[in-house]
Amino acid sequence: MVSAVHSGRKSPRFKIETPGMIYDPKGTPLFACTVRDISATGAGLALSEDAPLPESFFLTFTRDGAVRRLCAPVWQLSVVAGVRFTDKS
């Protein structure tokens, strides 16, 4: 079930629990994550390991990587992070 989170953001953020994968800009897989919430402008992630996110990376939402967004980290605290989408959608 998807529910909206209202916190004064520009875009409403929706709570989800979807497996994801983080790839570097060249397409090399880095590590898995769980997309915990999403909006038109970004997402909240739970990372599978405590590793710094690169300055730019692809976040995939499907096992085959067909659905992906180019991202940049906004904040990170250990295995929890907030990212913004940097590609045009």
N, C-alpha and C. Protein backbone atom coordinates (compact mmCIF):
# COMPACT_ATOMS: atom_id res chain seq x y z
N MET A 1 0.84 -1.18 0.00
CA MET A 1 0.00 0.00 0.00
C MET A 1 0.89 1.24 0.00
N VAL A 2 0.53 2.21 -0.79
CA VAL A 2 1.29 3.46 -0.90
C VAL A 2 0.52 4.55 -0.18
N SER A 3 1.21 5.27 0.70
CA SER A 3 0.55 6.35 1.42
C SER A 3 1.41 7.61 1.34
N ALA A 4 0.75 8.74 1.22
CA ALA A 4 1.46 10.02 1.09
C ALA A 4 1.98 10.47 2.44
N VAL A 5 3.16 11.06 2.42
CA VAL A 5 3.78 11.64 3.60
C VAL A 5 3.82 13.15 3.36
N HIS A 6 3.18 13.91 4.24
CA HIS A 6 3.17 15.36 4.08
C HIS A 6 4.11 15.98 5.11
N SER A 7 5.16 16.62 4.62
CA SER A 7 6.14 17.21 5.53
C SER A 7 6.61 18.57 5.04
N GLY A 8 5.76 19.28 4.31
CA GLY A 8 6.14 20.59 3.83
C GLY A 8 7.07 20.55 2.63
N ARG A 9 7.19 19.41 1.97
CA ARG A 9 8.04 19.28 0.79
C ARG A 9 7.36 19.86 -0.43
N LYS A 10 8.17 20.18 -1.44
CA LYS A 10 7.62 20.69 -2.69
C LYS A 10 6.77 19.63 -3.39
N SER A 11 7.23 18.39 -3.36
CA SER A 11 6.50 17.28 -3.97
C SER A 11 6.11 16.29 -2.88
N PRO A 12 4.86 15.80 -2.92
CA PRO A 12 4.49 14.80 -1.91
C PRO A 12 5.36 13.55 -2.02
N ARG A 13 5.72 13.01 -0.89
CA ARG A 13 6.54 11.81 -0.84
C ARG A 13 5.65 10.65 -0.43
N PHE A 14 5.80 9.51 -1.10
CA PHE A 14 4.97 8.35 -0.85
C PHE A 14 5.79 7.23 -0.25
N LYS A 15 5.29 6.66 0.85
CA LYS A 15 5.98 5.55 1.50
C LYS A 15 5.81 4.29 0.66
N ILE A 16 6.95 3.63 0.38
CA ILE A 16 6.94 2.36 -0.34
C ILE A 16 8.05 1.49 0.25
N GLU A 17 8.08 0.26 -0.08
CA GLU A 17 9.18 -0.64 0.30
C GLU A 17 9.51 -1.46 -0.94
N THR A 18 10.37 -0.90 -1.80
CA THR A 18 10.69 -1.52 -3.07
C THR A 18 12.19 -1.80 -3.14
N PRO A 19 12.58 -3.03 -3.52
CA PRO A 19 14.00 -3.31 -3.68
C PRO A 19 14.58 -2.46 -4.81
N GLY A 20 15.79 -2.00 -4.62
CA GLY A 20 16.48 -1.22 -5.63
C GLY A 20 17.94 -1.63 -5.71
N MET A 21 18.63 -1.06 -6.67
CA MET A 21 20.06 -1.33 -6.84
C MET A 21 20.74 -0.03 -7.24
N ILE A 22 21.92 0.19 -6.72
CA ILE A 22 22.69 1.38 -7.02
C ILE A 22 23.84 1.00 -7.95
N TYR A 23 23.93 1.73 -9.08
CA TYR A 23 24.97 1.52 -10.09
C TYR A 23 25.78 2.80 -10.24
N ASP A 24 27.06 2.65 -10.53
CA ASP A 24 27.85 3.84 -10.84
C ASP A 24 27.45 4.35 -12.23
N PRO A 25 27.89 5.55 -12.62
CA PRO A 25 27.48 6.11 -13.91
C PRO A 25 27.86 5.27 -15.13
N LYS A 26 28.84 4.36 -14.97
CA LYS A 26 29.24 3.49 -16.08
C LYS A 26 28.40 2.22 -16.14
N GLY A 27 27.53 2.01 -15.14
CA GLY A 27 26.66 0.83 -15.13
C GLY A 27 27.16 -0.32 -14.29
N THR A 28 28.21 -0.12 -13.51
CA THR A 28 28.72 -1.17 -12.62
C THR A 28 27.88 -1.20 -11.35
N PRO A 29 27.34 -2.38 -10.98
CA PRO A 29 26.55 -2.44 -9.75
C PRO A 29 27.43 -2.20 -8.52
N LEU A 30 26.92 -1.39 -7.59
CA LEU A 30 27.65 -1.09 -6.37
C LEU A 30 27.09 -1.83 -5.17
N PHE A 31 25.81 -1.65 -4.88
CA PHE A 31 25.16 -2.38 -3.79
C PHE A 31 23.65 -2.22 -3.87
N ALA A 32 22.97 -3.09 -3.15
CA ALA A 32 21.51 -3.09 -3.13
C ALA A 32 20.99 -2.08 -2.12
N CYS A 33 19.73 -1.74 -2.27
CA CYS A 33 19.08 -0.84 -1.33
C CYS A 33 17.58 -1.15 -1.33
N THR A 34 16.88 -0.49 -0.42
CA THR A 34 15.42 -0.51 -0.40
C THR A 34 14.96 0.93 -0.54
N VAL A 35 14.10 1.17 -1.51
CA VAL A 35 13.51 2.50 -1.68
C VAL A 35 12.37 2.58 -0.68
N ARG A 36 12.51 3.44 0.32
CA ARG A 36 11.53 3.52 1.42
C ARG A 36 10.46 4.56 1.19
N ASP A 37 10.81 5.61 0.44
CA ASP A 37 9.82 6.61 0.04
C ASP A 37 10.29 7.26 -1.24
N ILE A 38 9.33 7.85 -1.96
CA ILE A 38 9.65 8.41 -3.26
C ILE A 38 8.74 9.60 -3.55
N SER A 39 9.26 10.54 -4.32
CA SER A 39 8.48 11.69 -4.78
C SER A 39 8.88 11.97 -6.22
N ALA A 40 8.35 13.01 -6.80
CA ALA A 40 8.73 13.38 -8.16
C ALA A 40 10.17 13.87 -8.23
N THR A 41 10.72 14.31 -7.09
CA THR A 41 12.05 14.91 -7.10
C THR A 41 13.14 14.10 -6.40
N GLY A 42 12.79 13.04 -5.69
CA GLY A 42 13.80 12.27 -4.98
C GLY A 42 13.25 11.07 -4.26
N ALA A 43 14.11 10.45 -3.44
CA ALA A 43 13.73 9.24 -2.73
C ALA A 43 14.51 9.11 -1.43
N GLY A 44 13.97 8.31 -0.53
CA GLY A 44 14.65 7.93 0.70
C GLY A 44 15.06 6.49 0.57
N LEU A 45 16.31 6.18 0.90
CA LEU A 45 16.84 4.84 0.72
C LEU A 45 17.35 4.24 2.02
N ALA A 46 17.23 2.92 2.12
CA ALA A 46 17.91 2.15 3.14
C ALA A 46 18.94 1.32 2.39
N LEU A 47 20.22 1.55 2.66
CA LEU A 47 21.30 0.90 1.93
C LEU A 47 21.63 -0.46 2.54
N SER A 48 22.10 -1.39 1.72
CA SER A 48 22.44 -2.73 2.20
C SER A 48 23.77 -2.75 2.95
N GLU A 49 24.57 -1.68 2.79
CA GLU A 49 25.84 -1.60 3.50
C GLU A 49 26.17 -0.15 3.81
N ASP A 50 27.01 0.03 4.80
CA ASP A 50 27.43 1.37 5.21
C ASP A 50 28.59 1.80 4.32
N ALA A 51 28.25 2.37 3.16
CA ALA A 51 29.25 2.82 2.20
C ALA A 51 28.80 4.18 1.66
N PRO A 52 29.74 5.08 1.40
CA PRO A 52 29.34 6.39 0.89
C PRO A 52 28.78 6.29 -0.52
N LEU A 53 27.72 7.04 -0.77
CA LEU A 53 27.15 7.10 -2.10
C LEU A 53 28.05 7.95 -2.99
N PRO A 54 28.19 7.58 -4.27
CA PRO A 54 28.97 8.42 -5.18
C PRO A 54 28.27 9.75 -5.46
N GLU A 55 28.98 10.70 -6.02
CA GLU A 55 28.40 12.02 -6.33
C GLU A 55 27.25 11.91 -7.32
N SER A 56 27.33 10.92 -8.21
CA SER A 56 26.28 10.68 -9.20
C SER A 56 26.15 9.18 -9.38
N PHE A 57 24.92 8.67 -9.45
CA PHE A 57 24.71 7.23 -9.59
C PHE A 57 23.32 6.97 -10.14
N PHE A 58 23.13 5.75 -10.64
CA PHE A 58 21.82 5.32 -11.10
C PHE A 58 21.15 4.49 -10.01
N LEU A 59 19.89 4.76 -9.77
CA LEU A 59 19.06 3.98 -8.87
C LEU A 59 18.07 3.24 -9.74
N THR A 60 18.08 1.91 -9.64
CA THR A 60 17.14 1.12 -10.43
C THR A 60 16.01 0.62 -9.54
N PHE A 61 14.85 0.47 -10.15
CA PHE A 61 13.65 0.05 -9.44
C PHE A 61 13.15 -1.31 -9.91
N THR A 62 13.83 -1.91 -10.87
CA THR A 62 13.44 -3.23 -11.38
C THR A 62 14.66 -4.13 -11.41
N ARG A 63 14.42 -5.43 -11.36
CA ARG A 63 15.54 -6.39 -11.35
C ARG A 63 16.41 -6.30 -12.59
N ASP A 64 15.78 -6.01 -13.73
CA ASP A 64 16.56 -5.94 -14.97
C ASP A 64 17.19 -4.57 -15.21
N GLY A 65 16.94 -3.61 -14.32
CA GLY A 65 17.53 -2.28 -14.43
C GLY A 65 16.89 -1.40 -15.48
N ALA A 66 15.76 -1.84 -16.04
CA ALA A 66 15.10 -1.08 -17.10
C ALA A 66 14.52 0.24 -16.59
N VAL A 67 14.05 0.27 -15.35
CA VAL A 67 13.51 1.49 -14.77
C VAL A 67 14.57 2.05 -13.84
N ARG A 68 15.14 3.19 -14.22
CA ARG A 68 16.23 3.77 -13.43
C ARG A 68 16.17 5.29 -13.49
N ARG A 69 16.78 5.89 -12.49
CA ARG A 69 16.87 7.36 -12.41
C ARG A 69 18.29 7.73 -12.04
N LEU A 70 18.80 8.80 -12.64
CA LEU A 70 20.09 9.34 -12.27
C LEU A 70 19.89 10.15 -11.00
N CYS A 71 20.75 9.95 -10.03
CA CYS A 71 20.58 10.56 -8.70
C CYS A 71 21.86 11.20 -8.19
N ALA A 72 21.68 12.06 -7.19
CA ALA A 72 22.78 12.63 -6.42
C ALA A 72 22.36 12.58 -4.95
N PRO A 73 23.29 12.25 -4.06
CA PRO A 73 22.94 12.23 -2.64
C PRO A 73 22.68 13.63 -2.10
N VAL A 74 21.69 13.75 -1.23
CA VAL A 74 21.40 15.01 -0.54
C VAL A 74 21.95 14.91 0.88
N TRP A 75 21.71 13.77 1.51
CA TRP A 75 22.24 13.51 2.85
C TRP A 75 22.41 12.01 3.02
N GLN A 76 23.28 11.61 3.94
CA GLN A 76 23.47 10.19 4.25
C GLN A 76 23.91 10.07 5.70
N LEU A 77 23.27 9.16 6.40
CA LEU A 77 23.64 8.83 7.77
C LEU A 77 23.75 7.31 7.84
N SER A 78 24.97 6.82 7.73
CA SER A 78 25.25 5.40 7.73
C SER A 78 24.50 4.71 6.58
N VAL A 79 23.49 3.89 6.90
CA VAL A 79 22.79 3.11 5.86
C VAL A 79 21.46 3.72 5.45
N VAL A 80 21.22 4.97 5.82
CA VAL A 80 19.99 5.67 5.44
C VAL A 80 20.40 6.92 4.67
N ALA A 81 19.71 7.19 3.54
CA ALA A 81 20.09 8.33 2.71
C ALA A 81 18.89 8.94 2.03
N GLY A 82 19.02 10.21 1.71
CA GLY A 82 18.05 10.92 0.89
C GLY A 82 18.73 11.33 -0.40
N VAL A 83 18.09 11.09 -1.52
CA VAL A 83 18.68 11.41 -2.82
C VAL A 83 17.71 12.25 -3.63
N ARG A 84 18.28 13.02 -4.56
CA ARG A 84 17.43 13.78 -5.49
C ARG A 84 17.67 13.23 -6.88
N PHE A 85 16.62 13.26 -7.68
CA PHE A 85 16.72 12.84 -9.06
C PHE A 85 17.32 13.99 -9.86
N THR A 86 18.34 13.71 -10.64
CA THR A 86 19.02 14.75 -11.39
C THR A 86 18.76 14.66 -12.89
N ASP A 87 18.08 13.59 -13.33
CA ASP A 87 17.74 13.48 -14.74
C ASP A 87 16.40 14.14 -14.97
N LYS A 88 16.08 14.39 -16.21
CA LYS A 88 14.79 14.95 -16.57
C LYS A 88 13.81 13.81 -16.76
N SER A 89 12.67 13.90 -16.12
CA SER A 89 11.68 12.83 -16.27
C SER A 89 10.43 13.34 -16.92
